[in-house]
């Protein structure tokens, strides 16, 4: 009989420029800390109920995606075209199953779509229109891109367009967990870099560059410049 182990979860809310209120790193500390706490609590409740590490990290990242404080899901940074393009990935450290999506524009919670890719597609990574078509296939309703764009991010985009600034870093949220069976999982989600070229994909949805919940040393990718991490 396997002896239960102590469950654990860690959540991060991403990096960003501390002098830029449009990035996750630039928001007031209080909302960021509270948002990360809510995400951790959501995942912890899953673990205490005996749920899997995969369930826990997905629950945590959904909370972060729905919180406009963070650069993921609602409130994500905008591309040079002025819309949100979302990336997410998930990996089960026990089976090494993984799923990811990139350049998704019409899904509220890309981490849920990444899980569907892992469990139901037979593939690892789906991108753009193909990911959107798969979302409809598995019953995820189309979600207007404008609902992902917060007034803060729209105003930030308009200011940047006036002065023509270069693309900037944003932040990637993530979670890593261990359940009572000792199984590990990790998940990440991001809007990518601010003013990125449409279709740009960083490291967050790339398994190995993004989440790697293996033993020893599980991790969800550290926030920062994803293209450099991919190399």
C-alpha atoms as a PDB file:
ATOM      1  CA  UNK A   1       0.000   0.000   0.000  1.00  0.00           C
ATOM      2  CA  UNK A   2       1.344   3.396  -0.981  1.00  0.00           C
ATOM      3  CA  UNK A   3       1.838   5.802   1.913  1.00  0.00           C
ATOM      4  CA  UNK A   4       0.190   9.177   1.211  1.00  0.00           C
ATOM      5  CA  UNK A   5       2.625  12.070   0.902  1.00  0.00           C
ATOM      6  CA  UNK A   6       2.060  15.643   1.936  1.00  0.00           C
ATOM      7  CA  UNK A   7       0.518  17.587  -0.966  1.00  0.00           C
ATOM      8  CA  UNK A   8       2.019  20.906  -2.000  1.00  0.00           C
ATOM      9  CA  UNK A   9       1.395  23.687  -4.493  1.00  0.00           C
ATOM     10  CA  UNK A  10       3.336  26.748  -5.622  1.00  0.00           C
ATOM     11  CA  UNK A  11       1.907  29.545  -7.754  1.00  0.00           C
ATOM     12  CA  UNK A  12       3.567  32.505  -9.453  1.00  0.00           C
ATOM     13  CA  UNK A  13       1.994  35.565 -11.008  1.00  0.00           C
ATOM     14  CA  UNK A  14       4.652  36.419 -13.548  1.00  0.00           C
ATOM     15  CA  UNK A  15       7.307  39.060 -14.011  1.00  0.00           C
ATOM     16  CA  UNK A  16       7.137  42.446 -15.663  1.00  0.00           C
ATOM     17  CA  UNK A  17       8.548  45.927 -15.683  1.00  0.00           C
ATOM     18  CA  UNK A  18       8.109  47.395 -12.205  1.00  0.00           C
ATOM     19  CA  UNK A  19       7.737  50.905 -13.614  1.00  0.00           C
ATOM     20  CA  UNK A  20       5.011  49.935 -16.095  1.00  0.00           C
ATOM     21  CA  UNK A  21       1.493  49.640 -14.623  1.00  0.00           C
ATOM     22  CA  UNK A  22       0.355  47.676 -17.678  1.00  0.00           C
ATOM     23  CA  UNK A  23       2.349  44.554 -16.824  1.00  0.00           C
ATOM     24  CA  UNK A  24       1.725  42.043 -14.093  1.00  0.00           C
ATOM     25  CA  UNK A  25       4.875  43.226 -12.358  1.00  0.00           C
ATOM     26  CA  UNK A  26       3.695  46.813 -12.352  1.00  0.00           C
ATOM     27  CA  UNK A  27       0.335  46.372 -10.668  1.00  0.00           C
ATOM     28  CA  UNK A  28       0.116  47.316  -6.989  1.00  0.00           C
ATOM     29  CA  UNK A  29       1.556  44.599  -4.790  1.00  0.00           C
ATOM     30  CA  UNK A  30      -1.685  44.024  -2.882  1.00  0.00           C
ATOM     31  CA  UNK A  31      -3.847  42.820  -5.794  1.00  0.00           C
ATOM     32  CA  UNK A  32      -1.036  40.658  -7.164  1.00  0.00           C
ATOM     33  CA  UNK A  33      -0.398  38.990  -3.835  1.00  0.00           C
ATOM     34  CA  UNK A  34      -4.105  38.488  -3.223  1.00  0.00           C
ATOM     35  CA  UNK A  35      -4.637  37.074  -6.700  1.00  0.00           C
ATOM     36  CA  UNK A  36      -1.789  34.609  -6.295  1.00  0.00           C
ATOM     37  CA  UNK A  37      -3.163  33.633  -2.886  1.00  0.00           C
ATOM     38  CA  UNK A  38      -6.606  32.938  -4.348  1.00  0.00           C
ATOM     39  CA  UNK A  39      -5.047  30.812  -7.071  1.00  0.00           C
ATOM     40  CA  UNK A  40      -2.990  28.835  -4.571  1.00  0.00           C
ATOM     41  CA  UNK A  41      -6.036  28.315  -2.371  1.00  0.00           C
ATOM     42  CA  UNK A  42      -8.052  27.022  -5.340  1.00  0.00           C
ATOM     43  CA  UNK A  43      -5.385  24.453  -6.111  1.00  0.00           C
ATOM     44  CA  UNK A  44      -4.915  23.590  -2.430  1.00  0.00           C
ATOM     45  CA  UNK A  45      -8.609  22.821  -2.014  1.00  0.00           C
ATOM     46  CA  UNK A  46      -8.349  20.342  -4.870  1.00  0.00           C
ATOM     47  CA  UNK A  47      -5.352  18.649  -3.262  1.00  0.00           C
ATOM     48  CA  UNK A  48      -6.957  18.465   0.192  1.00  0.00           C
ATOM     49  CA  UNK A  49      -9.967  16.769  -1.365  1.00  0.00           C
ATOM     50  CA  UNK A  50      -7.673  14.105  -2.827  1.00  0.00           C
ATOM     51  CA  UNK A  51      -7.659  15.548  -6.325  1.00  0.00           C
ATOM     52  CA  UNK A  52      -4.817  15.077  -8.756  1.00  0.00           C
ATOM     53  CA  UNK A  53      -1.873  17.408  -9.245  1.00  0.00           C
ATOM     54  CA  UNK A  54      -3.166  18.065 -12.768  1.00  0.00           C
ATOM     55  CA  UNK A  55      -6.554  19.120 -11.394  1.00  0.00           C
ATOM     56  CA  UNK A  56      -4.857  21.377  -8.852  1.00  0.00           C
ATOM     57  CA  UNK A  57      -2.596  23.290 -11.235  1.00  0.00           C
ATOM     58  CA  UNK A  58      -5.406  23.759 -13.732  1.00  0.00           C
ATOM     59  CA  UNK A  59      -7.693  25.117 -10.991  1.00  0.00           C
ATOM     60  CA  UNK A  60      -4.977  27.541  -9.870  1.00  0.00           C
ATOM     61  CA  UNK A  61      -4.179  28.812 -13.355  1.00  0.00           C
ATOM     62  CA  UNK A  62      -7.868  29.312 -14.203  1.00  0.00           C
ATOM     63  CA  UNK A  63      -8.054  31.738 -11.262  1.00  0.00           C
ATOM     64  CA  UNK A  64      -5.019  33.624 -12.582  1.00  0.00           C
ATOM     65  CA  UNK A  65      -6.429  33.737 -16.125  1.00  0.00           C
ATOM     66  CA  UNK A  66      -9.689  35.201 -14.852  1.00  0.00           C
ATOM     67  CA  UNK A  67      -7.916  37.871 -12.785  1.00  0.00           C
ATOM     68  CA  UNK A  68      -7.165  40.962 -14.921  1.00  0.00           C
ATOM     69  CA  UNK A  69      -4.189  41.764 -12.695  1.00  0.00           C
ATOM     70  CA  UNK A  70      -2.120  39.142 -14.506  1.00  0.00           C
ATOM     71  CA  UNK A  71      -0.826  38.728 -18.051  1.00  0.00           C
ATOM     72  CA  UNK A  72      -2.911  35.664 -18.864  1.00  0.00           C
ATOM     73  CA  UNK A  73      -6.463  35.235 -20.096  1.00  0.00           C
ATOM     74  CA  UNK A  74      -8.521  38.320 -19.290  1.00  0.00           C
ATOM     75  CA  UNK A  75      -6.186  41.292 -18.989  1.00  0.00           C
ATOM     76  CA  UNK A  76      -3.403  39.843 -21.117  1.00  0.00           C
ATOM     77  CA  UNK A  77      -1.055  42.213 -22.911  1.00  0.00           C
ATOM     78  CA  UNK A  78      -1.892  43.136 -26.498  1.00  0.00           C
ATOM     79  CA  UNK A  79      -0.124  42.375 -29.744  1.00  0.00           C
ATOM     80  CA  UNK A  80       1.016  44.967 -32.256  1.00  0.00           C
ATOM     81  CA  UNK A  81      -2.346  44.396 -33.959  1.00  0.00           C
ATOM     82  CA  UNK A  82      -4.188  45.425 -30.787  1.00  0.00           C
ATOM     83  CA  UNK A  83      -5.715  42.140 -29.700  1.00  0.00           C
ATOM     84  CA  UNK A  84      -4.919  39.387 -27.211  1.00  0.00           C
ATOM     85  CA  UNK A  85      -3.204  36.162 -28.309  1.00  0.00           C
ATOM     86  CA  UNK A  86      -2.950  33.564 -25.569  1.00  0.00           C
ATOM     87  CA  UNK A  87      -0.589  30.644 -24.926  1.00  0.00           C
ATOM     88  CA  UNK A  88      -0.859  27.915 -22.284  1.00  0.00           C
ATOM     89  CA  UNK A  89       0.564  24.506 -21.492  1.00  0.00           C
ATOM     90  CA  UNK A  90       0.144  21.638 -19.071  1.00  0.00           C
ATOM     91  CA  UNK A  91       2.200  18.557 -18.235  1.00  0.00           C
ATOM     92  CA  UNK A  92       1.576  15.510 -16.064  1.00  0.00           C
ATOM     93  CA  UNK A  93       4.854  14.533 -14.424  1.00  0.00           C
ATOM     94  CA  UNK A  94       3.785  10.933 -13.870  1.00  0.00           C
ATOM     95  CA  UNK A  95       2.675   9.962 -17.352  1.00  0.00           C
ATOM     96  CA  UNK A  96       4.617  12.726 -19.163  1.00  0.00           C
ATOM     97  CA  UNK A  97       1.424  13.506 -21.052  1.00  0.00           C
ATOM     98  CA  UNK A  98       1.316  17.133 -22.157  1.00  0.00           C
ATOM     99  CA  UNK A  99      -0.909  19.571 -23.981  1.00  0.00           C
ATOM    100  CA  UNK A 100      -0.470  23.136 -25.151  1.00  0.00           C
ATOM    101  CA  UNK A 101      -2.051  25.882 -27.230  1.00  0.00           C
ATOM    102  CA  UNK A 102      -0.620  29.040 -28.758  1.00  0.00           C
ATOM    103  CA  UNK A 103      -1.882  32.191 -30.483  1.00  0.00           C
ATOM    104  CA  UNK A 104      -5.439  31.532 -29.293  1.00  0.00           C
ATOM    105  CA  UNK A 105      -7.757  34.535 -29.560  1.00  0.00           C
ATOM    106  CA  UNK A 106     -11.242  33.245 -28.758  1.00  0.00           C
ATOM    107  CA  UNK A 107     -11.001  31.133 -25.602  1.00  0.00           C
ATOM    108  CA  UNK A 108     -11.523  32.504 -22.105  1.00  0.00           C
ATOM    109  CA  UNK A 109      -9.301  29.963 -20.344  1.00  0.00           C
ATOM    110  CA  UNK A 110      -6.533  28.622 -22.581  1.00  0.00           C
ATOM    111  CA  UNK A 111      -5.306  26.303 -19.813  1.00  0.00           C
ATOM    112  CA  UNK A 112      -8.579  24.367 -20.104  1.00  0.00           C
ATOM    113  CA  UNK A 113      -8.021  24.062 -23.838  1.00  0.00           C
ATOM    114  CA  UNK A 114      -4.441  22.889 -23.231  1.00  0.00           C
ATOM    115  CA  UNK A 115      -5.823  20.178 -20.977  1.00  0.00           C
ATOM    116  CA  UNK A 116      -8.266  19.125 -23.665  1.00  0.00           C
ATOM    117  CA  UNK A 117      -5.377  18.932 -26.136  1.00  0.00           C
ATOM    118  CA  UNK A 118      -3.515  16.675 -23.706  1.00  0.00           C
ATOM    119  CA  UNK A 119      -6.428  14.386 -22.995  1.00  0.00           C
ATOM    120  CA  UNK A 120      -8.525  14.383 -26.147  1.00  0.00           C
ATOM    121  CA  UNK A 121      -6.609  15.436 -29.263  1.00  0.00           C
ATOM    122  CA  UNK A 122      -3.849  12.894 -29.759  1.00  0.00           C
ATOM    123  CA  UNK A 123      -1.472  15.846 -30.202  1.00  0.00           C
ATOM    124  CA  UNK A 124       0.671  18.003 -27.927  1.00  0.00           C
ATOM    125  CA  UNK A 125       0.423  21.529 -29.371  1.00  0.00           C
ATOM    126  CA  UNK A 126      -2.325  23.225 -31.370  1.00  0.00           C
ATOM    127  CA  UNK A 127      -1.987  26.776 -32.668  1.00  0.00           C
ATOM    128  CA  UNK A 128      -4.208  29.603 -33.868  1.00  0.00           C
ATOM    129  CA  UNK A 129      -7.223  28.672 -35.983  1.00  0.00           C
ATOM    130  CA  UNK A 130      -6.576  24.968 -35.469  1.00  0.00           C
ATOM    131  CA  UNK A 131      -6.675  25.399 -31.704  1.00  0.00           C
ATOM    132  CA  UNK A 132      -9.878  27.428 -31.999  1.00  0.00           C
ATOM    133  CA  UNK A 133     -11.520  24.784 -34.163  1.00  0.00           C
ATOM    134  CA  UNK A 134     -10.562  22.116 -31.639  1.00  0.00           C
ATOM    135  CA  UNK A 135     -12.034  24.233 -28.837  1.00  0.00           C
ATOM    136  CA  UNK A 136     -15.391  24.268 -30.622  1.00  0.00           C
ATOM    137  CA  UNK A 137     -15.094  20.532 -31.245  1.00  0.00           C
ATOM    138  CA  UNK A 138     -14.735  19.784 -27.536  1.00  0.00           C
ATOM    139  CA  UNK A 139     -17.576  22.098 -26.555  1.00  0.00           C
ATOM    140  CA  UNK A 140     -15.816  25.314 -25.588  1.00  0.00           C
ATOM    141  CA  UNK A 141     -17.887  28.273 -26.700  1.00  0.00           C
ATOM    142  CA  UNK A 142     -16.256  31.030 -28.716  1.00  0.00           C
ATOM    143  CA  UNK A 143     -15.248  33.933 -26.467  1.00  0.00           C
ATOM    144  CA  UNK A 144     -14.971  37.416 -27.940  1.00  0.00           C
ATOM    145  CA  UNK A 145     -11.436  38.756 -27.976  1.00  0.00           C
ATOM    146  CA  UNK A 146     -12.721  42.117 -26.807  1.00  0.00           C
ATOM    147  CA  UNK A 147     -13.816  40.479 -23.561  1.00  0.00           C
ATOM    148  CA  UNK A 148     -10.200  39.492 -22.951  1.00  0.00           C
ATOM    149  CA  UNK A 149      -9.024  43.082 -23.446  1.00  0.00           C
ATOM    150  CA  UNK A 150      -9.303  45.247 -20.338  1.00  0.00           C
ATOM    151  CA  UNK A 151      -9.620  49.044 -20.498  1.00  0.00           C
ATOM    152  CA  UNK A 152      -6.181  49.293 -18.886  1.00  0.00           C
ATOM    153  CA  UNK A 153      -4.546  47.218 -21.615  1.00  0.00           C
ATOM    154  CA  UNK A 154      -6.411  49.060 -24.375  1.00  0.00           C
ATOM    155  CA  UNK A 155      -5.246  52.415 -22.996  1.00  0.00           C
ATOM    156  CA  UNK A 156      -1.705  51.095 -22.668  1.00  0.00           C
ATOM    157  CA  UNK A 157      -1.793  49.966 -26.296  1.00  0.00           C
ATOM    158  CA  UNK A 158      -3.031  53.346 -27.519  1.00  0.00           C
ATOM    159  CA  UNK A 159      -0.305  55.186 -25.596  1.00  0.00           C
ATOM    160  CA  UNK A 160       2.371  52.879 -26.958  1.00  0.00           C
ATOM    161  CA  UNK A 161       1.115  53.241 -30.512  1.00  0.00           C
ATOM    162  CA  UNK A 162       1.464  56.995 -30.279  1.00  0.00           C
ATOM    163  CA  UNK A 163       5.127  56.834 -29.308  1.00  0.00           C
ATOM    164  CA  UNK A 164       5.903  53.640 -31.273  1.00  0.00           C
ATOM    165  CA  UNK A 165       7.751  51.841 -28.523  1.00  0.00           C
ATOM    166  CA  UNK A 166       9.370  48.450 -29.070  1.00  0.00           C
ATOM    167  CA  UNK A 167       7.906  45.164 -27.872  1.00  0.00           C
ATOM    168  CA  UNK A 168       8.307  44.635 -24.139  1.00  0.00           C
ATOM    169  CA  UNK A 169       8.189  41.722 -21.722  1.00  0.00           C
ATOM    170  CA  UNK A 170       4.995  40.905 -19.880  1.00  0.00           C
ATOM    171  CA  UNK A 171       4.825  37.924 -17.571  1.00  0.00           C
ATOM    172  CA  UNK A 172       3.805  34.292 -17.469  1.00  0.00           C
ATOM    173  CA  UNK A 173       1.677  32.833 -14.696  1.00  0.00           C
ATOM    174  CA  UNK A 174       2.008  29.274 -13.556  1.00  0.00           C
ATOM    175  CA  UNK A 175       1.574  26.595 -10.933  1.00  0.00           C
ATOM    176  CA  UNK A 176       3.297  23.375  -9.921  1.00  0.00           C
ATOM    177  CA  UNK A 177       1.771  20.824  -7.545  1.00  0.00           C
ATOM    178  CA  UNK A 178       2.317  17.468  -5.842  1.00  0.00           C
ATOM    179  CA  UNK A 179      -0.719  15.414  -4.841  1.00  0.00           C
ATOM    180  CA  UNK A 180      -1.141  12.842  -2.057  1.00  0.00           C
ATOM    181  CA  UNK A 181       0.039  10.079  -4.391  1.00  0.00           C
ATOM    182  CA  UNK A 182       3.293  11.938  -4.972  1.00  0.00           C
ATOM    183  CA  UNK A 183       2.386  12.773  -8.561  1.00  0.00           C
ATOM    184  CA  UNK A 184       3.555  16.084 -10.010  1.00  0.00           C
ATOM    185  CA  UNK A 185       2.080  18.472 -12.559  1.00  0.00           C
ATOM    186  CA  UNK A 186       2.827  21.949 -13.859  1.00  0.00           C
ATOM    187  CA  UNK A 187       0.899  24.508 -15.893  1.00  0.00           C
ATOM    188  CA  UNK A 188       1.621  27.896 -17.447  1.00  0.00           C
ATOM    189  CA  UNK A 189      -0.397  30.587 -19.200  1.00  0.00           C
ATOM    190  CA  UNK A 190       0.490  33.921 -20.760  1.00  0.00           C
ATOM    191  CA  UNK A 191      -0.444  36.706 -23.115  1.00  0.00           C
ATOM    192  CA  UNK A 192       3.200  36.925 -24.149  1.00  0.00           C
ATOM    193  CA  UNK A 193       5.181  40.082 -24.702  1.00  0.00           C
ATOM    194  CA  UNK A 194       3.481  43.442 -25.103  1.00  0.00           C
ATOM    195  CA  UNK A 195       3.277  44.584 -28.744  1.00  0.00           C
ATOM    196  CA  UNK A 196       4.558  41.243 -30.021  1.00  0.00           C
ATOM    197  CA  UNK A 197       4.105  40.491 -33.710  1.00  0.00           C
ATOM    198  CA  UNK A 198       0.870  38.624 -34.426  1.00  0.00           C
ATOM    199  CA  UNK A 199       1.514  34.901 -34.326  1.00  0.00           C
ATOM    200  CA  UNK A 200       4.595  35.140 -32.127  1.00  0.00           C
ATOM    201  CA  UNK A 201       4.989  32.130 -29.838  1.00  0.00           C
ATOM    202  CA  UNK A 202       7.372  32.177 -26.888  1.00  0.00           C
ATOM    203  CA  UNK A 203       8.512  29.346 -24.660  1.00  0.00           C
ATOM    204  CA  UNK A 204       5.451  28.980 -22.401  1.00  0.00           C
ATOM    205  CA  UNK A 205       3.585  26.487 -24.623  1.00  0.00           C
ATOM    206  CA  UNK A 206       6.758  24.592 -25.548  1.00  0.00           C
ATOM    207  CA  UNK A 207       6.986  21.494 -23.385  1.00  0.00           C
ATOM    208  CA  UNK A 208      10.428  21.316 -21.807  1.00  0.00           C
ATOM    209  CA  UNK A 209      11.007  25.049 -22.213  1.00  0.00           C
ATOM    210  CA  UNK A 210       7.746  25.685 -20.355  1.00  0.00           C
ATOM    211  CA  UNK A 211       6.387  23.289 -17.721  1.00  0.00           C
ATOM    212  CA  UNK A 212       8.607  20.359 -16.693  1.00  0.00           C
ATOM    213  CA  UNK A 213       7.121  18.528 -13.666  1.00  0.00           C
ATOM    214  CA  UNK A 214       9.656  15.724 -13.426  1.00  0.00           C
ATOM    215  CA  UNK A 215      11.400  14.254 -10.412  1.00  0.00           C
ATOM    216  CA  UNK A 216      13.700  15.654  -9.174  1.00  0.00           C
ATOM    217  CA  UNK A 217      13.264  19.352  -9.823  1.00  0.00           C
ATOM    218  CA  UNK A 218       9.690  20.018 -11.012  1.00  0.00           C
ATOM    219  CA  UNK A 219       9.167  23.472 -12.425  1.00  0.00           C
ATOM    220  CA  UNK A 220       6.850  25.743 -14.306  1.00  0.00           C
ATOM    221  CA  UNK A 221       8.969  28.076 -16.396  1.00  0.00           C
ATOM    222  CA  UNK A 222      10.446  31.141 -14.719  1.00  0.00           C
ATOM    223  CA  UNK A 223       8.888  34.371 -15.970  1.00  0.00           C
ATOM    224  CA  UNK A 224      10.919  36.490 -18.346  1.00  0.00           C
ATOM    225  CA  UNK A 225      11.835  36.754 -22.018  1.00  0.00           C
ATOM    226  CA  UNK A 226      10.429  33.577 -23.518  1.00  0.00           C
ATOM    227  CA  UNK A 227      12.345  33.620 -26.790  1.00  0.00           C
ATOM    228  CA  UNK A 228      15.649  33.468 -24.935  1.00  0.00           C
ATOM    229  CA  UNK A 229      14.422  30.542 -22.824  1.00  0.00           C
ATOM    230  CA  UNK A 230      13.343  28.695 -25.972  1.00  0.00           C
ATOM    231  CA  UNK A 231      16.868  28.835 -27.302  1.00  0.00           C
END
